PDB file of all heavy atoms in Angstrom:
ATOM      1  N   GLU A   1     -13.279  28.895  -1.522  1.00  0.00           N
ATOM      2  CA  GLU A   1     -13.382  29.728  -0.338  1.00  0.00           C
ATOM      3  C   GLU A   1     -12.059  29.868   0.446  1.00  0.00           C
ATOM      4  O   GLU A   1     -11.820  30.909   1.043  1.00  0.00           O
ATOM      5  CB  GLU A   1     -14.494  29.197   0.571  1.00  0.00           C
ATOM      6  CG  GLU A   1     -15.879  29.248  -0.037  1.00  0.00           C
ATOM      7  CD  GLU A   1     -16.900  28.363   0.637  1.00  0.00           C
ATOM      8  OE1 GLU A   1     -16.507  27.307   1.210  1.00  0.00           O
ATOM      9  OE2 GLU A   1     -18.104  28.711   0.638  1.00  0.00           O
ATOM     10  N   ALA A   2     -11.258  28.838   0.387  1.00  0.00           N
ATOM     11  CA  ALA A   2      -9.956  28.897   1.065  1.00  0.00           C
ATOM     12  C   ALA A   2      -9.071  29.870   0.289  1.00  0.00           C
ATOM     13  O   ALA A   2      -9.266  30.037  -0.922  1.00  0.00           O
ATOM     14  CB  ALA A   2      -9.333  27.531   1.115  1.00  0.00           C
ATOM     15  N   PRO A   3      -8.130  30.521   0.926  1.00  0.00           N
ATOM     16  CA  PRO A   3      -7.343  31.569   0.269  1.00  0.00           C
ATOM     17  C   PRO A   3      -6.361  31.005  -0.806  1.00  0.00           C
ATOM     18  O   PRO A   3      -5.805  31.801  -1.536  1.00  0.00           O
ATOM     19  CB  PRO A   3      -6.594  32.222   1.399  1.00  0.00           C
ATOM     20  CG  PRO A   3      -6.510  31.197   2.445  1.00  0.00           C
ATOM     21  CD  PRO A   3      -7.774  30.383   2.345  1.00  0.00           C
ATOM     22  N   HIS A   4      -6.176  29.703  -0.866  1.00  0.00           N
ATOM     23  CA  HIS A   4      -5.091  29.180  -1.637  1.00  0.00           C
ATOM     24  C   HIS A   4      -5.424  28.195  -2.782  1.00  0.00           C
ATOM     25  O   HIS A   4      -4.537  27.692  -3.414  1.00  0.00           O
ATOM     26  CB  HIS A   4      -4.038  28.536  -0.722  1.00  0.00           C
ATOM     27  CG  HIS A   4      -4.573  27.361   0.057  1.00  0.00           C
ATOM     28  ND1 HIS A   4      -5.597  27.401   0.896  1.00  0.00           N
ATOM     29  CD2 HIS A   4      -4.161  26.068   0.105  1.00  0.00           C
ATOM     30  CE1 HIS A   4      -5.817  26.237   1.434  1.00  0.00           C
ATOM     31  NE2 HIS A   4      -4.946  25.379   0.956  1.00  0.00           N
ATOM     32  N   ILE A   5      -6.715  27.870  -2.930  1.00  0.00           N
ATOM     33  CA  ILE A   5      -7.084  26.783  -3.863  1.00  0.00           C
ATOM     34  C   ILE A   5      -8.100  27.297  -4.898  1.00  0.00           C
ATOM     35  O   ILE A   5      -9.144  27.861  -4.552  1.00  0.00           O
ATOM     36  CB  ILE A   5      -7.685  25.584  -3.117  1.00  0.00           C
ATOM     37  CG1 ILE A   5      -6.671  24.934  -2.232  1.00  0.00           C
ATOM     38  CG2 ILE A   5      -8.159  24.522  -4.150  1.00  0.00           C
ATOM     39  CD1 ILE A   5      -7.208  23.806  -1.347  1.00  0.00           C
ATOM     40  N   VAL A   6      -7.725  27.122  -6.177  1.00  0.00           N
ATOM     41  CA  VAL A   6      -8.637  27.404  -7.285  1.00  0.00           C
ATOM     42  C   VAL A   6      -8.631  26.184  -8.197  1.00  0.00           C
ATOM     43  O   VAL A   6      -7.599  25.763  -8.649  1.00  0.00           O
ATOM     44  CB  VAL A   6      -8.232  28.676  -8.101  1.00  0.00           C
ATOM     45  CG1 VAL A   6      -9.141  28.853  -9.298  1.00  0.00           C
ATOM     46  CG2 VAL A   6      -8.214  29.891  -7.208  1.00  0.00           C
ATOM     47  N   CYS A   7      -9.820  25.647  -8.464  1.00  0.00           N
ATOM     48  CA  CYS A   7      -9.959  24.499  -9.355  1.00  0.00           C
ATOM     49  C   CYS A   7     -10.688  24.929 -10.626  1.00  0.00           C
ATOM     50  O   CYS A   7     -11.659  25.685 -10.573  1.00  0.00           O
ATOM     51  CB  CYS A   7     -10.748  23.351  -8.677  1.00  0.00           C
ATOM     52  SG  CYS A   7     -10.813  21.831  -9.614  1.00  0.00           S
ATOM     53  N   CYS A   8     -10.171  24.496 -11.753  1.00  0.00           N
ATOM     54  CA  CYS A   8     -10.820  24.845 -13.045  1.00  0.00           C
ATOM     55  C   CYS A   8     -10.603  23.695 -14.028  1.00  0.00           C
ATOM     56  O   CYS A   8      -9.928  22.730 -13.687  1.00  0.00           O
ATOM     57  CB  CYS A   8     -10.219  26.152 -13.612  1.00  0.00           C
ATOM     58  SG  CYS A   8      -8.477  26.072 -14.030  1.00  0.00           S
ATOM     59  N   ALA A   9     -11.244  23.825 -15.173  1.00  0.00           N
ATOM     60  CA  ALA A   9     -11.110  22.787 -16.199  1.00  0.00           C
ATOM     61  C   ALA A   9     -11.050  23.369 -17.557  1.00  0.00           C
ATOM     62  O   ALA A   9     -11.596  24.481 -17.818  1.00  0.00           O
ATOM     63  CB  ALA A   9     -12.284  21.821 -16.091  1.00  0.00           C
ATOM     64  N   LEU A  10     -10.343  22.674 -18.397  1.00  0.00           N
ATOM     65  CA  LEU A  10     -10.353  22.913 -19.827  1.00  0.00           C
ATOM     66  C   LEU A  10     -11.111  21.786 -20.471  1.00  0.00           C
ATOM     67  O   LEU A  10     -10.473  20.748 -20.819  1.00  0.00           O
ATOM     68  CB  LEU A  10      -8.927  23.023 -20.376  1.00  0.00           C
ATOM     69  CG  LEU A  10      -8.141  24.335 -20.065  1.00  0.00           C
ATOM     70  CD1 LEU A  10      -7.765  24.404 -18.640  1.00  0.00           C
ATOM     71  CD2 LEU A  10      -6.873  24.415 -20.939  1.00  0.00           C
ATOM     72  N   PRO A  11     -12.428  21.837 -20.522  1.00  0.00           N
ATOM     73  CA  PRO A  11     -13.234  20.673 -20.947  1.00  0.00           C
ATOM     74  C   PRO A  11     -12.796  20.156 -22.322  1.00  0.00           C
ATOM     75  O   PRO A  11     -12.604  20.876 -23.254  1.00  0.00           O
ATOM     76  CB  PRO A  11     -14.639  21.235 -20.979  1.00  0.00           C
ATOM     77  CG  PRO A  11     -14.626  22.384 -20.041  1.00  0.00           C
ATOM     78  CD  PRO A  11     -13.278  22.975 -20.167  1.00  0.00           C
ATOM     79  N   GLY A  12     -12.653  18.806 -22.349  1.00  0.00           N
ATOM     80  CA  GLY A  12     -12.212  18.160 -23.591  1.00  0.00           C
ATOM     81  C   GLY A  12     -10.706  18.047 -23.733  1.00  0.00           C
ATOM     82  O   GLY A  12     -10.267  17.309 -24.634  1.00  0.00           O
ATOM     83  N   ILE A  13      -9.937  18.737 -22.919  1.00  0.00           N
ATOM     84  CA  ILE A  13      -8.461  18.622 -22.960  1.00  0.00           C
ATOM     85  C   ILE A  13      -8.012  17.821 -21.737  1.00  0.00           C
ATOM     86  O   ILE A  13      -8.176  18.291 -20.621  1.00  0.00           O
ATOM     87  CB  ILE A  13      -7.809  20.012 -22.984  1.00  0.00           C
ATOM     88  CG1 ILE A  13      -8.313  20.803 -24.195  1.00  0.00           C
ATOM     89  CG2 ILE A  13      -6.310  19.820 -23.042  1.00  0.00           C
ATOM     90  CD1 ILE A  13      -7.731  22.219 -24.278  1.00  0.00           C
ATOM     91  N   PRO A  14      -7.457  16.638 -21.901  1.00  0.00           N
ATOM     92  CA  PRO A  14      -7.024  15.860 -20.751  1.00  0.00           C
ATOM     93  C   PRO A  14      -6.066  16.612 -19.851  1.00  0.00           C
ATOM     94  O   PRO A  14      -5.180  17.363 -20.326  1.00  0.00           O
ATOM     95  CB  PRO A  14      -6.359  14.640 -21.371  1.00  0.00           C
ATOM     96  CG  PRO A  14      -6.945  14.530 -22.740  1.00  0.00           C
ATOM     97  CD  PRO A  14      -7.201  15.930 -23.168  1.00  0.00           C
ATOM     98  N   SER A  15      -6.244  16.489 -18.559  1.00  0.00           N
ATOM     99  CA  SER A  15      -5.472  17.179 -17.584  1.00  0.00           C
ATOM    100  C   SER A  15      -3.976  16.992 -17.792  1.00  0.00           C
ATOM    101  O   SER A  15      -3.154  17.938 -17.685  1.00  0.00           O
ATOM    102  CB  SER A  15      -5.828  16.770 -16.145  1.00  0.00           C
ATOM    103  OG  SER A  15      -7.194  16.964 -15.876  1.00  0.00           O
ATOM    104  N   GLN A  16      -3.552  15.749 -18.101  1.00  0.00           N
ATOM    105  CA  GLN A  16      -2.141  15.465 -18.292  1.00  0.00           C
ATOM    106  C   GLN A  16      -1.571  16.256 -19.447  1.00  0.00           C
ATOM    107  O   GLN A  16      -0.430  16.706 -19.389  1.00  0.00           O
ATOM    108  CB  GLN A  16      -1.894  13.974 -18.448  1.00  0.00           C
ATOM    109  CG  GLN A  16      -0.448  13.534 -18.373  1.00  0.00           C
ATOM    110  CD  GLN A  16       0.142  13.912 -17.012  1.00  0.00           C
ATOM    111  OE1 GLN A  16      -0.360  13.567 -15.943  1.00  0.00           O
ATOM    112  NE2 GLN A  16       1.257  14.684 -17.026  1.00  0.00           N
ATOM    113  N   ASN A  17      -2.338  16.430 -20.504  1.00  0.00           N
ATOM    114  CA  ASN A  17      -1.858  17.262 -21.597  1.00  0.00           C
ATOM    115  C   ASN A  17      -1.639  18.684 -21.171  1.00  0.00           C
ATOM    116  O   ASN A  17      -0.624  19.289 -21.518  1.00  0.00           O
ATOM    117  CB  ASN A  17      -2.929  17.243 -22.742  1.00  0.00           C
ATOM    118  CG  ASN A  17      -2.968  15.889 -23.476  1.00  0.00           C
ATOM    119  OD1 ASN A  17      -2.582  14.888 -22.911  1.00  0.00           O
ATOM    120  ND2 ASN A  17      -3.535  15.858 -24.689  1.00  0.00           N
ATOM    121  N   THR A  18      -2.608  19.205 -20.387  1.00  0.00           N
ATOM    122  CA  THR A  18      -2.446  20.572 -19.888  1.00  0.00           C
ATOM    123  C   THR A  18      -1.192  20.678 -19.010  1.00  0.00           C
ATOM    124  O   THR A  18      -0.438  21.667 -19.174  1.00  0.00           O
ATOM    125  CB  THR A  18      -3.694  20.968 -19.129  1.00  0.00           C
ATOM    126  OG1 THR A  18      -4.835  20.923 -19.959  1.00  0.00           O
ATOM    127  CG2 THR A  18      -3.524  22.355 -18.546  1.00  0.00           C
ATOM    128  N   ILE A  19      -1.037  19.768 -18.141  1.00  0.00           N
ATOM    129  CA  ILE A  19       0.129  19.792 -17.230  1.00  0.00           C
ATOM    130  C   ILE A  19       1.441  19.687 -18.005  1.00  0.00           C
ATOM    131  O   ILE A  19       2.421  20.417 -17.751  1.00  0.00           O
ATOM    132  CB  ILE A  19       0.025  18.623 -16.214  1.00  0.00           C
ATOM    133  CG1 ILE A  19      -1.107  18.918 -15.211  1.00  0.00           C
ATOM    134  CG2 ILE A  19       1.348  18.436 -15.448  1.00  0.00           C
ATOM    135  CD1 ILE A  19      -1.426  17.830 -14.296  1.00  0.00           C
ATOM    136  N   ASN A  20       1.487  18.846 -19.016  1.00  0.00           N
ATOM    137  CA  ASN A  20       2.701  18.695 -19.820  1.00  0.00           C
ATOM    138  C   ASN A  20       3.070  20.003 -20.572  1.00  0.00           C
ATOM    139  O   ASN A  20       4.249  20.394 -20.601  1.00  0.00           O
ATOM    140  CB  ASN A  20       2.572  17.598 -20.804  1.00  0.00           C
ATOM    141  CG  ASN A  20       2.515  16.194 -20.164  1.00  0.00           C
ATOM    142  OD1 ASN A  20       2.905  16.026 -18.999  1.00  0.00           O
ATOM    143  ND2 ASN A  20       2.000  15.198 -20.900  1.00  0.00           N
ATOM    144  N   ILE A  21       2.037  20.631 -21.132  1.00  0.00           N
ATOM    145  CA  ILE A  21       2.342  21.885 -21.870  1.00  0.00           C
ATOM    146  C   ILE A  21       2.700  23.016 -20.882  1.00  0.00           C
ATOM    147  O   ILE A  21       3.626  23.801 -21.165  1.00  0.00           O
ATOM    148  CB  ILE A  21       1.104  22.264 -22.713  1.00  0.00           C
ATOM    149  CG1 ILE A  21       0.887  21.153 -23.810  1.00  0.00           C
ATOM    150  CG2 ILE A  21       1.359  23.594 -23.422  1.00  0.00           C
ATOM    151  CD1 ILE A  21      -0.404  21.355 -24.589  1.00  0.00           C
ATOM    152  N   LEU A  22       1.985  23.079 -19.772  1.00  0.00           N
ATOM    153  CA  LEU A  22       2.303  24.114 -18.755  1.00  0.00           C
ATOM    154  C   LEU A  22       3.729  23.998 -18.241  1.00  0.00           C
ATOM    155  O   LEU A  22       4.452  25.012 -18.130  1.00  0.00           O
ATOM    156  CB  LEU A  22       1.317  24.064 -17.630  1.00  0.00           C
ATOM    157  CG  LEU A  22      -0.120  24.584 -17.903  1.00  0.00           C
ATOM    158  CD1 LEU A  22      -0.984  24.382 -16.679  1.00  0.00           C
ATOM    159  CD2 LEU A  22      -0.103  26.020 -18.300  1.00  0.00           C
ATOM    160  N   GLN A  23       4.190  22.774 -18.015  1.00  0.00           N
ATOM    161  CA  GLN A  23       5.525  22.628 -17.458  1.00  0.00           C
ATOM    162  C   GLN A  23       6.594  22.985 -18.494  1.00  0.00           C
ATOM    163  O   GLN A  23       7.701  23.326 -18.109  1.00  0.00           O
ATOM    164  CB  GLN A  23       5.735  21.240 -16.859  1.00  0.00           C
ATOM    165  CG  GLN A  23       5.805  20.125 -17.816  1.00  0.00           C
ATOM    166  CD  GLN A  23       6.071  18.781 -17.087  1.00  0.00           C
ATOM    167  OE1 GLN A  23       6.253  18.786 -15.864  1.00  0.00           O
ATOM    168  NE2 GLN A  23       6.054  17.697 -17.839  1.00  0.00           N
ATOM    169  N   GLU A  24       6.251  22.889 -19.769  1.00  0.00           N
ATOM    170  CA  GLU A  24       7.178  23.395 -20.774  1.00  0.00           C
ATOM    171  C   GLU A  24       7.409  24.931 -20.661  1.00  0.00           C
ATOM    172  O   GLU A  24       8.434  25.450 -21.081  1.00  0.00           O
ATOM    173  CB  GLU A  24       6.645  23.064 -22.211  1.00  0.00           C
ATOM    174  CG  GLU A  24       6.570  21.633 -22.553  1.00  0.00           C
ATOM    175  CD  GLU A  24       5.900  21.364 -23.901  1.00  0.00           C
ATOM    176  OE1 GLU A  24       5.620  22.362 -24.637  1.00  0.00           O
ATOM    177  OE2 GLU A  24       5.688  20.187 -24.253  1.00  0.00           O
ATOM    178  N   HIS A  25       6.403  25.579 -20.029  1.00  0.00           N
ATOM    179  CA  HIS A  25       6.510  27.013 -19.773  1.00  0.00           C
ATOM    180  C   HIS A  25       6.920  27.291 -18.298  1.00  0.00           C
ATOM    181  O   HIS A  25       6.721  28.415 -17.831  1.00  0.00           O
ATOM    182  CB  HIS A  25       5.194  27.684 -20.098  1.00  0.00           C
ATOM    183  CG  HIS A  25       4.842  27.664 -21.567  1.00  0.00           C
ATOM    184  ND1 HIS A  25       4.385  26.541 -22.210  1.00  0.00           N
ATOM    185  CD2 HIS A  25       4.929  28.638 -22.523  1.00  0.00           C
ATOM    186  CE1 HIS A  25       4.162  26.802 -23.473  1.00  0.00           C
ATOM    187  NE2 HIS A  25       4.472  28.094 -23.691  1.00  0.00           N
ATOM    188  N   ASP A  26       7.432  26.263 -17.599  1.00  0.00           N
ATOM    189  CA  ASP A  26       7.831  26.395 -16.208  1.00  0.00           C
ATOM    190  C   ASP A  26       6.673  26.772 -15.321  1.00  0.00           C
ATOM    191  O   ASP A  26       6.818  27.559 -14.380  1.00  0.00           O
ATOM    192  CB  ASP A  26       8.989  27.386 -16.037  1.00  0.00           C
ATOM    193  CG  ASP A  26      10.317  26.773 -16.445  1.00  0.00           C
ATOM    194  OD1 ASP A  26      10.489  25.516 -16.348  1.00  0.00           O
ATOM    195  OD2 ASP A  26      11.230  27.532 -16.864  1.00  0.00           O
ATOM    196  N   VAL A  27       5.478  26.225 -15.603  1.00  0.00           N
ATOM    197  CA  VAL A  27       4.296  26.396 -14.785  1.00  0.00           C
ATOM    198  C   VAL A  27       3.902  25.042 -14.276  1.00  0.00           C
ATOM    199  O   VAL A  27       3.757  24.080 -15.017  1.00  0.00           O
ATOM    200  CB  VAL A  27       3.136  27.041 -15.584  1.00  0.00           C
ATOM    201  CG1 VAL A  27       1.883  27.183 -14.662  1.00  0.00           C
ATOM    202  CG2 VAL A  27       3.557  28.398 -16.130  1.00  0.00           C
ATOM    203  N   TYR A  28       3.690  24.937 -12.965  1.00  0.00           N
ATOM    204  CA  TYR A  28       3.452  23.623 -12.299  1.00  0.00           C
ATOM    205  C   TYR A  28       2.148  23.678 -11.495  1.00  0.00           C
ATOM    206  O   TYR A  28       2.000  24.475 -10.517  1.00  0.00           O
ATOM    207  CB  TYR A  28       4.669  23.273 -11.400  1.00  0.00           C
ATOM    208  CG  TYR A  28       5.916  23.169 -12.145  1.00  0.00           C
ATOM    209  CD1 TYR A  28       6.743  24.324 -12.284  1.00  0.00           C
ATOM    210  CD2 TYR A  28       6.293  22.026 -12.776  1.00  0.00           C
ATOM    211  CE1 TYR A  28       7.946  24.236 -13.015  1.00  0.00           C
ATOM    212  CE2 TYR A  28       7.511  21.935 -13.511  1.00  0.00           C
ATOM    213  CZ  TYR A  28       8.303  23.048 -13.634  1.00  0.00           C
ATOM    214  OH  TYR A  28       9.456  22.987 -14.402  1.00  0.00           O
ATOM    215  N   VAL A  29       1.244  22.840 -11.907  1.00  0.00           N
ATOM    216  CA  VAL A  29      -0.048  22.696 -11.233  1.00  0.00           C
ATOM    217  C   VAL A  29      -0.330  21.191 -11.060  1.00  0.00           C
ATOM    218  O   VAL A  29       0.390  20.326 -11.487  1.00  0.00           O
ATOM    219  CB  VAL A  29      -1.211  23.366 -12.050  1.00  0.00           C
ATOM    220  CG1 VAL A  29      -0.983  24.851 -12.185  1.00  0.00           C
ATOM    221  CG2 VAL A  29      -1.360  22.696 -13.404  1.00  0.00           C
ATOM    222  N   SER A  30      -1.464  20.894 -10.437  1.00  0.00           N
ATOM    223  CA  SER A  30      -1.914  19.455 -10.241  1.00  0.00           C
ATOM    224  C   SER A  30      -3.130  19.118 -11.047  1.00  0.00           C
ATOM    225  O   SER A  30      -3.900  20.038 -11.397  1.00  0.00           O
ATOM    226  CB  SER A  30      -2.231  19.151  -8.782  1.00  0.00           C
ATOM    227  OG  SER A  30      -1.089  18.869  -8.047  1.00  0.00           O
ATOM    228  N   ALA A  31      -3.282  17.882 -11.338  1.00  0.00           N
ATOM    229  CA  ALA A  31      -4.556  17.357 -11.899  1.00  0.00           C
ATOM    230  C   ALA A  31      -5.377  16.879 -10.714  1.00  0.00           C
ATOM    231  O   ALA A  31      -5.229  15.759 -10.277  1.00  0.00           O
ATOM    232  CB  ALA A  31      -4.299  16.213 -12.853  1.00  0.00           C
ATOM    233  N   GLY A  32      -6.220  17.776 -10.174  1.00  0.00           N
ATOM    234  CA  GLY A  32      -6.973  17.436  -9.007  1.00  0.00           C
ATOM    235  C   GLY A  32      -6.024  17.227  -7.798  1.00  0.00           C
ATOM    236  O   GLY A  32      -5.068  17.974  -7.619  1.00  0.00           O
ATOM    237  N   SER A  33      -6.265  16.204  -7.022  1.00  0.00           N
ATOM    238  CA  SER A  33      -5.382  15.917  -5.894  1.00  0.00           C
ATOM    239  C   SER A  33      -4.171  15.163  -6.313  1.00  0.00           C
ATOM    240  O   SER A  33      -4.264  14.122  -6.933  1.00  0.00           O
ATOM    241  CB  SER A  33      -6.162  15.102  -4.856  1.00  0.00           C
ATOM    242  OG  SER A  33      -5.259  14.646  -3.826  1.00  0.00           O
ATOM    243  N   ALA A  34      -3.010  15.665  -5.891  1.00  0.00           N
ATOM    244  CA  ALA A  34      -1.782  14.998  -6.241  1.00  0.00           C
ATOM    245  C   ALA A  34      -1.643  13.661  -5.547  1.00  0.00           C
ATOM    246  O   ALA A  34      -0.734  12.853  -5.844  1.00  0.00           O
ATOM    247  CB  ALA A  34      -0.580  15.895  -5.943  1.00  0.00           C
ATOM    248  N   CYS A  35      -2.470  13.464  -4.520  1.00  0.00           N
ATOM    249  CA  CYS A  35      -2.384  12.199  -3.709  1.00  0.00           C
ATOM    250  C   CYS A  35      -3.182  11.016  -4.389  1.00  0.00           C
ATOM    251  O   CYS A  35      -3.221   9.961  -3.850  1.00  0.00           O
ATOM    252  CB  CYS A  35      -2.924  12.467  -2.319  1.00  0.00           C
ATOM    253  SG  CYS A  35      -2.080  13.784  -1.482  1.00  0.00           S
ATOM    254  N   SER A  36      -3.858  11.340  -5.467  1.00  0.00           N
ATOM    255  CA  SER A  36      -4.692  10.329  -6.135  1.00  0.00           C
ATOM    256  C   SER A  36      -4.263  10.075  -7.551  1.00  0.00           C
ATOM    257  O   SER A  36      -5.080  10.016  -8.486  1.00  0.00           O
ATOM    258  CB  SER A  36      -6.185  10.750  -6.070  1.00  0.00           C
ATOM    259  OG  SER A  36      -6.605  10.991  -4.787  1.00  0.00           O
ATOM    260  N   LYS A  37      -2.981   9.953  -7.747  1.00  0.00           N
ATOM    261  CA  LYS A  37      -2.412   9.806  -9.069  1.00  0.00           C
ATOM    262  C   LYS A  37      -3.025   8.647  -9.842  1.00  0.00           C
ATOM    263  O   LYS A  37      -3.055   7.538  -9.357  1.00  0.00           O
ATOM    264  CB  LYS A  37      -0.874   9.648  -8.952  1.00  0.00           C
ATOM    265  CG  LYS A  37      -0.164   9.606 -10.269  1.00  0.00           C
ATOM    266  CD  LYS A  37       1.332   9.479 -10.084  1.00  0.00           C
ATOM    267  CE  LYS A  37       2.090   9.471 -11.416  1.00  0.00           C
ATOM    268  NZ  LYS A  37       3.513   9.323 -11.221  1.00  0.00           N
ATOM    269  N   GLY A  38      -3.423   8.899 -11.067  1.00  0.00           N
ATOM    270  CA  GLY A  38      -3.927   7.838 -11.936  1.00  0.00           C
ATOM    271  C   GLY A  38      -5.394   7.525 -11.773  1.00  0.00           C
ATOM    272  O   GLY A  38      -5.900   6.622 -12.399  1.00  0.00           O
ATOM    273  N   HIS A  39      -6.119   8.233 -10.896  1.00  0.00           N
ATOM    274  CA  HIS A  39      -7.530   7.978 -10.682  1.00  0.00           C
ATOM    275  C   HIS A  39      -8.359   9.223 -10.950  1.00  0.00           C
ATOM    276  O   HIS A  39      -7.944  10.370 -10.673  1.00  0.00           O
ATOM    277  CB  HIS A  39      -7.780   7.509  -9.226  1.00  0.00           C
ATOM    278  CG  HIS A  39      -7.008   6.272  -8.843  1.00  0.00           C
ATOM    279  ND1 HIS A  39      -7.415   5.004  -9.242  1.00  0.00           N
ATOM    280  CD2 HIS A  39      -5.839   6.118  -8.150  1.00  0.00           C
ATOM    281  CE1 HIS A  39      -6.549   4.130  -8.760  1.00  0.00           C
ATOM    282  NE2 HIS A  39      -5.573   4.780  -8.066  1.00  0.00           N
ATOM    283  N   ARG A  40      -9.555   9.035 -11.516  1.00  0.00           N
ATOM    284  CA  ARG A  40     -10.454  10.176 -11.692  1.00  0.00           C
ATOM    285  C   ARG A  40     -10.864  10.688 -10.310  1.00  0.00           C
ATOM    286  O   ARG A  40     -11.100   9.934  -9.375  1.00  0.00           O
ATOM    287  CB  ARG A  40     -11.698   9.700 -12.478  1.00  0.00           C
ATOM    288  CG  ARG A  40     -12.718  10.743 -12.691  1.00  0.00           C
ATOM    289  CD  ARG A  40     -13.863  10.311 -13.577  1.00  0.00           C
ATOM    290  NE  ARG A  40     -13.437  10.305 -14.975  1.00  0.00           N
ATOM    291  CZ  ARG A  40     -14.153   9.806 -15.941  1.00  0.00           C
ATOM    292  NH1 ARG A  40     -15.341   9.202 -15.652  1.00  0.00           N
ATOM    293  NH2 ARG A  40     -13.759   9.854 -17.189  1.00  0.00           N
ATOM    294  N   SER A  41     -10.950  11.970 -10.156  1.00  0.00           N
ATOM    295  CA  SER A  41     -11.211  12.596  -8.884  1.00  0.00           C
ATOM    296  C   SER A  41     -12.610  12.181  -8.299  1.00  0.00           C
ATOM    297  O   SER A  41     -13.620  12.484  -8.973  1.00  0.00           O
ATOM    298  CB  SER A  41     -11.162  14.139  -9.034  1.00  0.00           C
ATOM    299  OG  SER A  41     -11.734  14.778  -7.887  1.00  0.00           O
ATOM    300  N   HIS A  42     -12.560  11.558  -7.145  1.00  0.00           N
ATOM    301  CA  HIS A  42     -13.825  11.221  -6.497  1.00  0.00           C
ATOM    302  C   HIS A  42     -14.562  12.483  -5.963  1.00  0.00           C
ATOM    303  O   HIS A  42     -15.753  12.495  -5.849  1.00  0.00           O
ATOM    304  CB  HIS A  42     -13.603  10.251  -5.298  1.00  0.00           C
ATOM    305  CG  HIS A  42     -12.820  10.871  -4.175  1.00  0.00           C
ATOM    306  ND1 HIS A  42     -11.493  11.089  -4.178  1.00  0.00           N
ATOM    307  CD2 HIS A  42     -13.249  11.332  -2.942  1.00  0.00           C
ATOM    308  CE1 HIS A  42     -11.067  11.598  -3.047  1.00  0.00           C
ATOM    309  NE2 HIS A  42     -12.132  11.771  -2.314  1.00  0.00           N
ATOM    310  N   VAL A  43     -13.796  13.512  -5.711  1.00  0.00           N
ATOM    311  CA  VAL A  43     -14.377  14.801  -5.279  1.00  0.00           C
ATOM    312  C   VAL A  43     -15.200  15.409  -6.371  1.00  0.00           C
ATOM    313  O   VAL A  43     -16.367  15.796  -6.183  1.00  0.00           O
ATOM    314  CB  VAL A  43     -13.291  15.743  -4.803  1.00  0.00           C
ATOM    315  CG1 VAL A  43     -13.904  17.149  -4.467  1.00  0.00           C
ATOM    316  CG2 VAL A  43     -12.594  15.195  -3.546  1.00  0.00           C
ATOM    317  N   LEU A  44     -14.659  15.507  -7.526  1.00  0.00           N
ATOM    318  CA  LEU A  44     -15.333  16.146  -8.672  1.00  0.00           C
ATOM    319  C   LEU A  44     -16.493  15.292  -9.161  1.00  0.00           C
ATOM    320  O   LEU A  44     -17.507  15.793  -9.650  1.00  0.00           O
ATOM    321  CB  LEU A  44     -14.372  16.477  -9.770  1.00  0.00           C
ATOM    322  CG  LEU A  44     -13.207  17.397  -9.412  1.00  0.00           C
ATOM    323  CD1 LEU A  44     -12.391  17.825 -10.637  1.00  0.00           C
ATOM    324  CD2 LEU A  44     -13.690  18.638  -8.634  1.00  0.00           C
ATOM    325  N   GLU A  45     -16.311  13.948  -9.021  1.00  0.00           N
ATOM    326  CA  GLU A  45     -17.464  13.068  -9.355  1.00  0.00           C
ATOM    327  C   GLU A  45     -18.592  13.343  -8.433  1.00  0.00           C
ATOM    328  O   GLU A  45     -19.791  13.319  -8.815  1.00  0.00           O
ATOM    329  CB  GLU A  45     -17.016  11.644  -9.271  1.00  0.00           C
ATOM    330  CG  GLU A  45     -16.175  11.157 -10.449  1.00  0.00           C
ATOM    331  CD  GLU A  45     -15.881   9.675 -10.395  1.00  0.00           C
ATOM    332  OE1 GLU A  45     -15.630   9.148  -9.295  1.00  0.00           O
ATOM    333  OE2 GLU A  45     -15.839   9.007 -11.470  1.00  0.00           O
TER     334      GLU A  45
END
């Protein structure tokens, strides 16, 4: 609903894999909240 946030998933593909491949194409996104590095998202849970 906020104008700036869209969350999506590629089920079965780990977020870090997606981030690594995207940044090879100079695309930068987060795996959930960037403030919770290394932890499964409590929000999505």
